Amino acid sequence: MQLNFNLDSYHALVDRIAHNIGHHMGEETPDWLHFVMHVVLVWGPLALVILGVIYGYRLVRKKAMRRPSQGRVPAANHVSGLPNGVFGFVLRFSRRDQIALVVAGIMAMPVLYATLELPKIIINDAIASHHFPLHFLGQNMSQAEYLFALSALYLVAILANSSFKFGINIYKGQVGERLLRRLRLTIFRRWRAGAGSARRSEVIPLIAQEVEPIGGFAADSFALPVFQGGTFLTVLVFMFVQDPVLGAAAITFLPVQLSIIPRLQRKVNRLARRRVAEVRSLGGHLGDQAGHDLRSGEEIRTIGSLVKRIETIRRRIHRSKYFIKSLNNFLTALTPFFFYSIGGYLMIEGRLSMGALVAVLAAYKDFSTPLRELFRYYQAVEDVRIRYDEMMKFLAEGRSMQEAERQRMAAQVSPRPIAANADSQQLDAIAGGV
């Protein structure tokens, strides 16, 4: 009896929610639509709220645990002239550029919304409508003329949207390459001054390969979440405006993606940290053997073992990354099921126009792309943090040796420190140049 009462109350709640957003569900409503409505209107949003509370709690707890240390990088690994975190590095040397990129991303959102709204207007008002001639842009137009005028506006909106994207990407490329140049020259300067591990040649993979993703991330650090997050929200708002049920259907599988993919990504991050360490070790061994006849069997086995471990780690990373990608693509492709089923039924019932359904289906193509980019950004954040931390550890390894060398040189009268200082000033000028 109690169970029946709870089920009746639950069904009444779902019916009330559907009624409040303009969808009456009665006995004539198909059973499969009842189930879909429950998933879209109750289970999906409830799972998203619960997941948001869990992630919010974890974020607050993590910040509380980090506060005493004042940064990600331990004090023992601090390097003067470089911020402890990668975001601090980006803000210190490109604050104005980041602000400009964020503003440009925000300005692109109204244009994006126009590219979503105009196809619906074209289908409903220019193709399916029969109320012609009509007054538009100060003159009477026939159906064909009105169609051409709206199509021309749509073309202008597409060109404007593409121009925004092109300009933002070019600007991001310039910012990223400039920061990458500064970082490489900073590492080189400190390496010349004695920073780094005992294997001096380990700096080669660090400068040539390991820091390159940091430059690419520097350009995306603030612009990508604003632009792609704004695109995601703009498309989602557009879907809700067309029909709240279709908007809710678009985020039904989002809790599944947010709960599973980060767990898999943490595994990839652990493998990435191991890969960085193995590649650097390989570079150190190769540098030690440069210029020598490689005849020792032990040395050959060491190199072979390192190469084999790197291959194994990279294969595991590839498997994990492609599984994440496949899972994400499957869940993304599954969402249109709700659009076709719910949207098709609403069209049959006369509650949704053809233009709105077509516009929602077209918008979902733009909806999944920013979501994938935001997941990619999350992956890049963790990967770059690992690389930046490893770089700081590398530069901090030779600090005690540098201090001893400075004390020794200060006790002597030699032109060498002057030359070194001149080299440092010259590198600073190159790194800071536009």
Protein backbone atom coordinates (compact mmCIF):
# COMPACT_ATOMS: atom_id res chain seq x y z
CA MET A 1 0.00 0.00 0.00
CA GLN A 2 2.79 2.34 0.93
CA LEU A 3 4.67 1.39 -2.25
CA ASN A 4 1.62 2.11 -4.42
CA PHE A 5 1.17 5.46 -2.70
CA ASN A 6 4.82 6.41 -3.34
CA LEU A 7 4.64 5.33 -6.99
CA ASP A 8 1.41 7.25 -7.49
CA SER A 9 2.99 10.33 -5.92
CA TYR A 10 6.05 9.95 -8.13
CA HIS A 11 3.97 9.63 -11.31
CA ALA A 12 1.89 12.61 -10.24
CA LEU A 13 5.09 14.61 -9.77
CA VAL A 14 6.32 13.75 -13.26
CA ASP A 15 2.93 14.62 -14.75
CA ARG A 16 2.97 17.94 -12.91
CA ILE A 17 6.46 18.77 -14.19
CA ALA A 18 5.45 17.92 -17.75
CA HIS A 19 2.24 19.95 -17.44
CA ASN A 20 4.12 23.01 -16.12
CA ILE A 21 6.33 23.05 -19.21
CA GLY A 22 3.40 22.67 -21.59
CA HIS A 23 3.17 18.89 -22.08
CA HIS A 24 0.06 17.16 -20.79
CA MET A 25 0.50 13.43 -20.17
CA GLY A 26 -2.71 11.42 -19.92
CA GLU A 27 -3.93 7.91 -20.54
CA GLU A 28 -3.61 8.41 -24.29
CA THR A 29 0.13 9.06 -23.98
CA PRO A 30 2.17 5.99 -25.07
CA ASP A 31 3.88 4.00 -22.31
CA TRP A 32 7.30 4.41 -23.95
CA LEU A 33 6.89 8.19 -23.85
CA HIS A 34 6.10 8.02 -20.12
CA PHE A 35 9.38 6.17 -19.57
CA VAL A 36 11.35 8.62 -21.72
CA MET A 37 9.80 11.59 -19.91
CA HIS A 38 10.80 10.08 -16.56
CA VAL A 39 14.40 9.69 -17.73
CA VAL A 40 14.60 13.17 -19.24
CA LEU A 41 12.67 15.19 -16.65
CA VAL A 42 13.60 13.41 -13.39
CA TRP A 43 16.45 10.91 -13.51
CA GLY A 44 18.81 12.92 -15.71
CA PRO A 45 18.47 16.27 -13.88
CA LEU A 46 18.58 14.55 -10.47
CA ALA A 47 21.79 12.71 -11.37
CA LEU A 48 23.31 15.96 -12.64
CA VAL A 49 22.47 17.78 -9.39
CA ILE A 50 23.90 14.98 -7.25
CA LEU A 51 27.05 14.88 -9.33
CA GLY A 52 27.40 18.66 -9.11
CA VAL A 53 27.15 18.52 -5.30
CA ILE A 54 29.78 15.75 -5.13
CA TYR A 55 32.21 17.58 -7.41
CA GLY A 56 31.61 20.85 -5.58
CA TYR A 57 32.40 19.22 -2.26
CA ARG A 58 35.56 17.64 -3.65
CA LEU A 59 36.70 20.96 -5.10
CA VAL A 60 36.19 22.81 -1.81
CA ARG A 61 37.99 20.07 0.13
CA LYS A 62 40.90 20.05 -2.32
CA LYS A 63 41.30 23.83 -2.08
CA ALA A 64 41.19 23.63 1.72
CA MET A 65 43.94 21.01 1.70
CA ARG A 66 46.10 23.05 -0.69
CA ARG A 67 45.75 26.35 1.18
CA PRO A 68 48.50 25.75 3.76
CA SER A 69 51.05 24.95 1.06
CA GLN A 70 50.14 28.03 -1.00
CA GLY A 71 50.54 26.41 -4.41
CA ARG A 72 50.97 23.16 -6.26
CA VAL A 73 54.74 23.14 -6.40
CA PRO A 74 56.50 22.48 -3.05
CA ALA A 75 58.81 25.18 -1.73
CA ALA A 76 61.77 22.90 -2.33
CA ASN A 77 60.97 22.98 -6.04
CA HIS A 78 60.40 26.71 -6.33
CA VAL A 79 62.39 28.44 -9.08
CA SER A 80 62.84 32.19 -8.94
CA GLY A 81 61.34 33.99 -11.90
CA LEU A 82 58.78 31.26 -12.61
CA PRO A 83 55.38 30.99 -10.90
CA ASN A 84 54.66 27.78 -9.02
CA GLY A 85 51.65 26.91 -11.19
CA VAL A 86 51.05 26.87 -14.91
CA PHE A 87 48.07 29.25 -14.61
CA GLY A 88 50.27 31.69 -12.72
CA PHE A 89 52.83 31.49 -15.52
CA VAL A 90 50.16 32.20 -18.14
CA LEU A 91 48.74 35.18 -16.25
CA ARG A 92 52.10 36.73 -15.44
CA PHE A 93 53.27 36.89 -19.05
CA SER A 94 50.02 37.17 -21.05
CA ARG A 95 47.36 38.74 -18.83
CA ARG A 96 46.22 41.32 -21.41
CA ASP A 97 46.14 38.74 -24.18
CA GLN A 98 44.00 36.41 -22.08
CA ILE A 99 41.52 39.21 -21.34
CA ALA A 100 41.29 40.07 -25.04
CA LEU A 101 40.68 36.42 -25.96
CA VAL A 102 37.97 36.06 -23.32
CA VAL A 103 36.20 39.22 -24.51
CA ALA A 104 36.34 38.04 -28.13
CA GLY A 105 34.87 34.68 -27.12
CA ILE A 106 31.96 36.37 -25.32
CA MET A 107 31.27 38.65 -28.31
CA ALA A 108 30.98 35.61 -30.59
CA MET A 109 28.04 34.10 -28.66
CA PRO A 110 25.22 36.34 -30.05
CA VAL A 111 26.41 35.61 -33.58
CA LEU A 112 26.36 31.89 -32.82
CA TYR A 113 22.78 32.13 -31.55
CA ALA A 114 21.77 33.87 -34.79
CA THR A 115 23.18 30.96 -36.83
CA LEU A 116 20.95 28.60 -34.80
CA GLU A 117 17.77 30.69 -34.92
CA LEU A 118 17.77 31.65 -38.59
CA PRO A 119 17.33 28.09 -40.00
CA LYS A 120 14.17 27.66 -37.91
CA ILE A 121 12.80 30.99 -39.18
CA ILE A 122 13.64 30.03 -42.76
CA ILE A 123 11.75 26.72 -42.52
CA ASN A 124 8.73 27.97 -40.57
CA ASP A 125 8.25 31.49 -41.98
CA ALA A 126 9.70 31.31 -45.50
CA ILE A 127 9.14 27.71 -46.65
CA ALA A 128 6.19 26.31 -44.68
CA SER A 129 4.23 29.56 -44.37
CA HIS A 130 1.66 30.75 -46.92
CA HIS A 131 1.10 34.29 -45.61
CA PHE A 132 2.56 36.19 -48.54
CA PRO A 133 3.32 38.80 -49.62
CA LEU A 134 4.59 40.25 -46.34
CA HIS A 135 6.29 43.45 -45.20
CA PHE A 136 9.99 42.92 -44.45
CA LEU A 137 12.91 45.36 -44.34
CA GLY A 138 10.68 48.23 -45.42
CA GLN A 139 9.11 46.62 -48.48
CA ASN A 140 6.62 43.95 -49.56
CA MET A 141 8.22 40.64 -50.46
CA SER A 142 7.05 37.49 -52.16
CA GLN A 143 7.80 34.08 -50.67
CA ALA A 144 10.87 33.59 -52.87
CA GLU A 145 12.20 37.07 -52.10
CA TYR A 146 11.68 36.57 -48.36
CA LEU A 147 13.44 33.20 -48.54
CA PHE A 148 16.40 34.77 -50.31
CA ALA A 149 16.58 37.64 -47.78
CA LEU A 150 16.63 35.25 -44.80
CA SER A 151 19.16 33.00 -46.53
CA ALA A 152 21.38 36.04 -47.13
CA LEU A 153 21.15 36.95 -43.42
CA TYR A 154 22.06 33.37 -42.55
CA LEU A 155 25.07 33.55 -44.86
CA VAL A 156 26.20 36.78 -43.18
CA ALA A 157 25.83 35.17 -39.74
CA ILE A 158 27.87 32.15 -40.82
CA LEU A 159 30.62 34.37 -42.22
CA ALA A 160 30.70 36.43 -39.02
CA ASN A 161 30.83 33.30 -36.87
CA SER A 162 33.64 31.82 -38.96
CA SER A 163 35.55 35.12 -38.83
CA PHE A 164 35.33 35.19 -35.04
CA LYS A 165 36.64 31.63 -34.81
CA PHE A 166 39.45 32.31 -37.29
CA GLY A 167 40.55 35.48 -35.53
CA ILE A 168 40.47 33.87 -32.09
CA ASN A 169 42.46 30.84 -33.27
CA ILE A 170 45.11 33.00 -34.95
CA TYR A 171 45.43 35.16 -31.84
CA LYS A 172 45.67 32.08 -29.62
CA GLY A 173 48.43 30.68 -31.83
CA GLN A 174 50.48 33.86 -31.46
CA VAL A 175 50.05 33.94 -27.68
CA GLY A 176 50.95 30.26 -27.32
CA GLU A 177 54.09 30.46 -29.46
CA ARG A 178 55.29 33.59 -27.68
CA LEU A 179 54.91 31.99 -24.26
CA LEU A 180 56.54 28.78 -25.47
CA ARG A 181 59.54 30.77 -26.72
CA ARG A 182 59.84 32.49 -23.35
CA LEU A 183 59.64 29.21 -21.48
CA ARG A 184 62.26 27.49 -23.63
CA LEU A 185 64.71 30.37 -23.32
CA THR A 186 64.14 30.55 -19.56
CA ILE A 187 64.92 26.86 -19.19
CA PHE A 188 67.99 27.23 -21.40
CA ARG A 189 69.26 30.19 -19.41
CA ARG A 190 68.89 28.41 -16.08
CA TRP A 191 70.41 25.23 -17.50
CA ARG A 192 73.47 27.25 -18.57
CA ALA A 193 73.67 28.56 -15.03
CA GLY A 194 73.83 25.01 -13.66
CA ALA A 195 70.20 24.06 -13.06
CA GLY A 196 69.06 20.54 -13.83
CA SER A 197 70.00 17.03 -12.89
CA ALA A 198 73.45 15.48 -13.00
CA ARG A 199 72.71 14.22 -16.52
CA ARG A 200 73.01 17.54 -18.32
CA SER A 201 71.64 16.12 -21.58
CA GLU A 202 68.20 15.54 -20.03
CA VAL A 203 67.44 19.15 -20.87
CA ILE A 204 67.16 18.20 -24.57
CA PRO A 205 63.80 16.36 -24.39
CA LEU A 206 62.61 18.91 -21.84
CA ILE A 207 63.12 21.92 -24.13
CA ALA A 208 62.34 20.17 -27.41
CA GLN A 209 59.32 18.07 -26.50
CA GLU A 210 58.02 18.18 -22.93
CA VAL A 211 57.25 21.92 -22.71
CA GLU A 212 55.60 22.19 -26.14
CA PRO A 213 52.11 21.26 -24.88
CA ILE A 214 52.48 23.99 -22.25
CA GLY A 215 52.66 26.59 -25.00
CA GLY A 216 49.53 25.26 -26.66
CA PHE A 217 47.71 25.16 -23.34
CA ALA A 218 48.81 28.71 -22.51
CA ALA A 219 46.76 29.97 -25.43
CA ASP A 220 43.70 27.91 -24.41
CA SER A 221 43.94 28.25 -20.64
CA PHE A 222 41.19 30.87 -20.32
CA ALA A 223 39.91 31.39 -23.87
CA LEU A 224 38.87 27.78 -24.52
CA PRO A 225 36.63 27.26 -21.45
CA VAL A 226 35.00 30.65 -22.05
CA PHE A 227 34.45 30.15 -25.79
CA GLN A 228 33.55 26.46 -25.75
CA GLY A 229 31.64 26.74 -22.48
CA GLY A 230 29.77 29.75 -23.88
CA THR A 231 29.03 27.78 -27.05
CA PHE A 232 27.72 24.87 -24.97
CA LEU A 233 25.45 27.14 -22.92
CA THR A 234 24.27 29.10 -25.97
CA VAL A 235 23.21 25.94 -27.79
CA LEU A 236 21.61 24.54 -24.63
CA VAL A 237 19.62 27.75 -24.10
CA PHE A 238 18.51 27.63 -27.73
CA MET A 239 17.25 24.06 -27.26
CA PHE A 240 15.35 24.98 -24.11
CA VAL A 241 13.76 27.93 -25.90
CA GLN A 242 12.49 25.62 -28.65
CA ASP A 243 11.15 23.10 -26.15
CA PRO A 244 12.16 22.48 -22.51
CA VAL A 245 11.88 18.70 -22.89
CA LEU A 246 14.28 18.69 -25.83
CA GLY A 247 16.68 20.88 -23.84
CA ALA A 248 16.54 18.46 -20.91
CA ALA A 249 17.03 15.53 -23.29
CA ALA A 250 20.28 17.08 -24.54
CA ILE A 251 21.87 16.76 -21.08
CA THR A 252 20.38 13.39 -20.09
CA PHE A 253 23.64 11.47 -20.54
CA LEU A 254 25.86 14.30 -19.29
CA PRO A 255 26.03 12.86 -15.73
CA VAL A 256 27.26 9.55 -17.12
CA GLN A 257 30.02 11.32 -19.06
CA LEU A 258 31.00 13.47 -16.08
CA SER A 259 31.20 10.50 -13.71
CA ILE A 260 33.02 7.95 -15.88
CA ILE A 261 35.37 9.95 -18.09
CA PRO A 262 37.28 11.77 -15.28
CA ARG A 263 37.99 8.42 -13.60
CA LEU A 264 39.44 7.06 -16.82
CA GLN A 265 41.39 10.26 -17.35
CA ARG A 266 43.11 9.93 -13.99
CA LYS A 267 44.52 6.61 -15.19
CA VAL A 268 45.83 8.33 -18.34
CA ASN A 269 47.43 11.04 -16.17
CA ARG A 270 49.34 8.48 -14.12
CA LEU A 271 50.61 6.88 -17.31
CA ALA A 272 51.59 10.28 -18.71
CA ARG A 273 53.68 11.02 -15.63
CA ARG A 274 55.50 7.70 -16.04
CA ARG A 275 56.05 8.40 -19.74
CA VAL A 276 57.66 11.78 -18.99
CA ALA A 277 60.04 10.19 -16.49
CA GLU A 278 61.02 7.35 -18.86
CA VAL A 279 61.61 9.67 -21.85
CA ARG A 280 63.78 11.95 -19.76
CA SER A 281 65.74 8.97 -18.46
CA LEU A 282 66.25 7.77 -22.03
CA GLY A 283 67.54 11.18 -23.05
CA GLY A 284 69.97 11.17 -20.14
CA HIS A 285 71.36 7.73 -21.01
CA LEU A 286 71.76 8.70 -24.68
CA GLY A 287 73.52 11.90 -23.70
CA ASP A 288 75.93 10.02 -21.43
CA GLN A 289 76.84 7.71 -24.30
CA ALA A 290 77.12 10.40 -26.98
CA GLY A 291 80.55 10.42 -28.56
CA HIS A 292 81.46 7.01 -27.12
CA ASP A 293 81.59 3.64 -28.79
CA LEU A 294 78.47 1.78 -27.66
CA ARG A 295 79.96 -1.66 -27.11
CA SER A 296 78.88 -2.47 -23.57
CA GLY A 297 76.15 -5.09 -23.51
CA GLU A 298 74.78 -3.60 -20.30
CA GLU A 299 74.38 -0.17 -21.92
CA ILE A 300 72.60 -1.66 -24.93
CA ARG A 301 70.22 -3.60 -22.68
CA THR A 302 69.50 -0.47 -20.65
CA ILE A 303 68.58 1.53 -23.75
CA GLY A 304 66.49 -1.33 -25.11
CA SER A 305 64.67 -1.74 -21.81
CA LEU A 306 63.86 1.99 -21.65
CA VAL A 307 62.53 2.00 -25.21
CA LYS A 308 60.40 -1.06 -24.45
CA ARG A 309 58.93 0.52 -21.32
CA ILE A 310 58.12 3.71 -23.21
CA GLU A 311 56.38 1.69 -25.91
CA THR A 312 54.32 -0.23 -23.33
CA ILE A 313 53.27 2.96 -21.54
CA ARG A 314 52.33 4.70 -24.79
CA ARG A 315 50.24 1.69 -25.92
CA ARG A 316 48.35 1.74 -22.62
CA ILE A 317 47.79 5.48 -22.99
CA HIS A 318 46.46 4.97 -26.53
CA ARG A 319 44.06 2.26 -25.38
CA SER A 320 42.74 4.37 -22.53
CA LYS A 321 42.39 7.51 -24.64
CA TYR A 322 40.57 5.76 -27.46
CA PHE A 323 38.25 4.02 -25.00
CA ILE A 324 37.37 7.42 -23.54
CA LYS A 325 36.80 8.79 -27.02
CA SER A 326 34.66 5.82 -28.08
CA LEU A 327 32.54 5.99 -24.93
CA ASN A 328 32.04 9.72 -25.35
CA ASN A 329 31.08 9.33 -29.01
CA PHE A 330 28.61 6.54 -28.17
CA LEU A 331 26.85 8.59 -25.50
CA THR A 332 26.81 11.62 -27.79
CA ALA A 333 25.26 9.60 -30.63
CA LEU A 334 22.68 8.11 -28.26
CA THR A 335 21.16 11.48 -27.32
CA PRO A 336 19.40 12.08 -30.70
CA PHE A 337 17.20 9.08 -29.83
CA PHE A 338 15.34 11.40 -27.47
CA PHE A 339 15.12 14.11 -30.13
CA TYR A 340 13.60 11.78 -32.72
CA SER A 341 11.23 10.06 -30.31
CA ILE A 342 10.05 13.01 -28.24
CA GLY A 343 10.33 15.61 -30.98
CA GLY A 344 8.62 13.38 -33.51
CA TYR A 345 5.73 12.69 -31.15
CA LEU A 346 5.35 16.39 -30.35
CA MET A 347 5.22 17.16 -34.06
CA ILE A 348 2.53 14.50 -34.58
CA GLU A 349 0.55 16.09 -31.76
CA GLY A 350 1.04 19.55 -33.26
CA ARG A 351 2.98 20.89 -30.26
CA LEU A 352 6.28 21.41 -32.10
CA SER A 353 7.01 22.84 -35.52
CA MET A 354 9.13 21.17 -38.15
CA GLY A 355 11.51 24.12 -38.13
CA ALA A 356 12.08 23.85 -34.37
CA LEU A 357 12.85 20.12 -34.56
CA VAL A 358 15.21 20.55 -37.50
CA ALA A 359 16.89 23.48 -35.75
CA VAL A 360 17.38 21.43 -32.56
CA LEU A 361 18.86 18.52 -34.50
CA ALA A 362 21.23 20.89 -36.31
CA ALA A 363 22.12 22.65 -33.07
CA TYR A 364 23.01 19.37 -31.37
CA LYS A 365 25.82 18.99 -33.89
CA ASP A 366 27.29 22.18 -32.44
CA PHE A 367 26.33 21.04 -28.92
CA SER A 368 28.49 17.92 -28.83
CA THR A 369 31.60 19.64 -30.23
CA PRO A 370 32.15 22.11 -27.35
CA LEU A 371 31.45 19.31 -24.89
CA ARG A 372 34.25 17.23 -26.43
CA GLU A 373 36.51 20.29 -26.39
CA LEU A 374 35.80 20.86 -22.70
CA PHE A 375 36.68 17.24 -21.94
CA ARG A 376 39.84 17.65 -24.00
CA TYR A 377 40.61 20.80 -22.02
CA TYR A 378 40.23 18.87 -18.78
CA GLN A 379 42.68 16.28 -20.08
CA ALA A 380 45.09 19.02 -21.18
CA VAL A 381 44.95 20.73 -17.77
CA GLU A 382 46.06 17.60 -15.97
CA ASP A 383 48.72 16.74 -18.56
CA VAL A 384 50.19 20.27 -18.54
CA ARG A 385 50.22 20.43 -14.77
CA ILE A 386 52.25 17.23 -14.74
CA ARG A 387 54.68 18.62 -17.31
CA TYR A 388 55.02 21.96 -15.54
CA ASP A 389 55.62 20.31 -12.16
CA GLU A 390 58.23 17.99 -13.65
CA MET A 391 59.92 20.98 -15.31
CA MET A 392 60.06 22.85 -11.99
CA LYS A 393 61.54 19.79 -10.28
CA PHE A 394 64.18 19.52 -12.99
CA LEU A 395 65.20 23.17 -12.70
CA ALA A 396 65.27 22.99 -8.89
CA GLU A 397 67.61 19.97 -8.83
CA GLY A 398 70.73 22.01 -9.51
CA ARG A 399 69.90 24.95 -7.26
CA SER A 400 72.26 24.00 -4.45
CA MET A 401 75.03 23.54 -6.98
CA GLN A 402 74.27 26.97 -8.41
CA GLU A 403 74.50 28.59 -4.97
CA ALA A 404 77.87 27.01 -4.33
CA GLU A 405 79.11 28.15 -7.74
CA ARG A 406 77.93 31.73 -7.11
CA GLN A 407 79.77 31.85 -3.80
CA ARG A 408 82.94 30.53 -5.42
CA MET A 409 82.75 32.99 -8.29
CA ALA A 410 82.00 35.91 -5.96
CA ALA A 411 85.27 35.24 -4.16
CA GLN A 412 87.23 35.52 -7.40
CA VAL A 413 87.87 38.39 -9.79
CA SER A 414 87.06 37.09 -13.23
CA PRO A 415 85.31 38.43 -16.34
CA ARG A 416 83.28 35.18 -16.56
CA PRO A 417 80.39 36.30 -14.30
CA ILE A 418 80.04 39.48 -16.36
CA ALA A 419 79.74 37.45 -19.56
CA ALA A 420 77.23 35.12 -17.96
CA ASN A 421 75.20 38.10 -16.78
CA ALA A 422 75.31 39.58 -20.27
CA ASP A 423 74.08 36.29 -21.72
CA SER A 424 71.25 36.26 -19.19
CA GLN A 425 70.20 39.81 -20.06
CA GLN A 426 70.30 39.00 -23.78
CA LEU A 427 68.12 35.91 -23.32
CA ASP A 428 65.69 37.93 -21.20
CA ALA A 429 65.36 40.43 -24.02
CA ILE A 430 64.72 37.67 -26.58
CA ALA A 431 62.20 35.93 -24.36
CA GLY A 432 60.29 39.11 -23.67
CA GLY A 433 60.21 40.32 -27.27
CA VAL A 434 57.01 40.24 -29.32
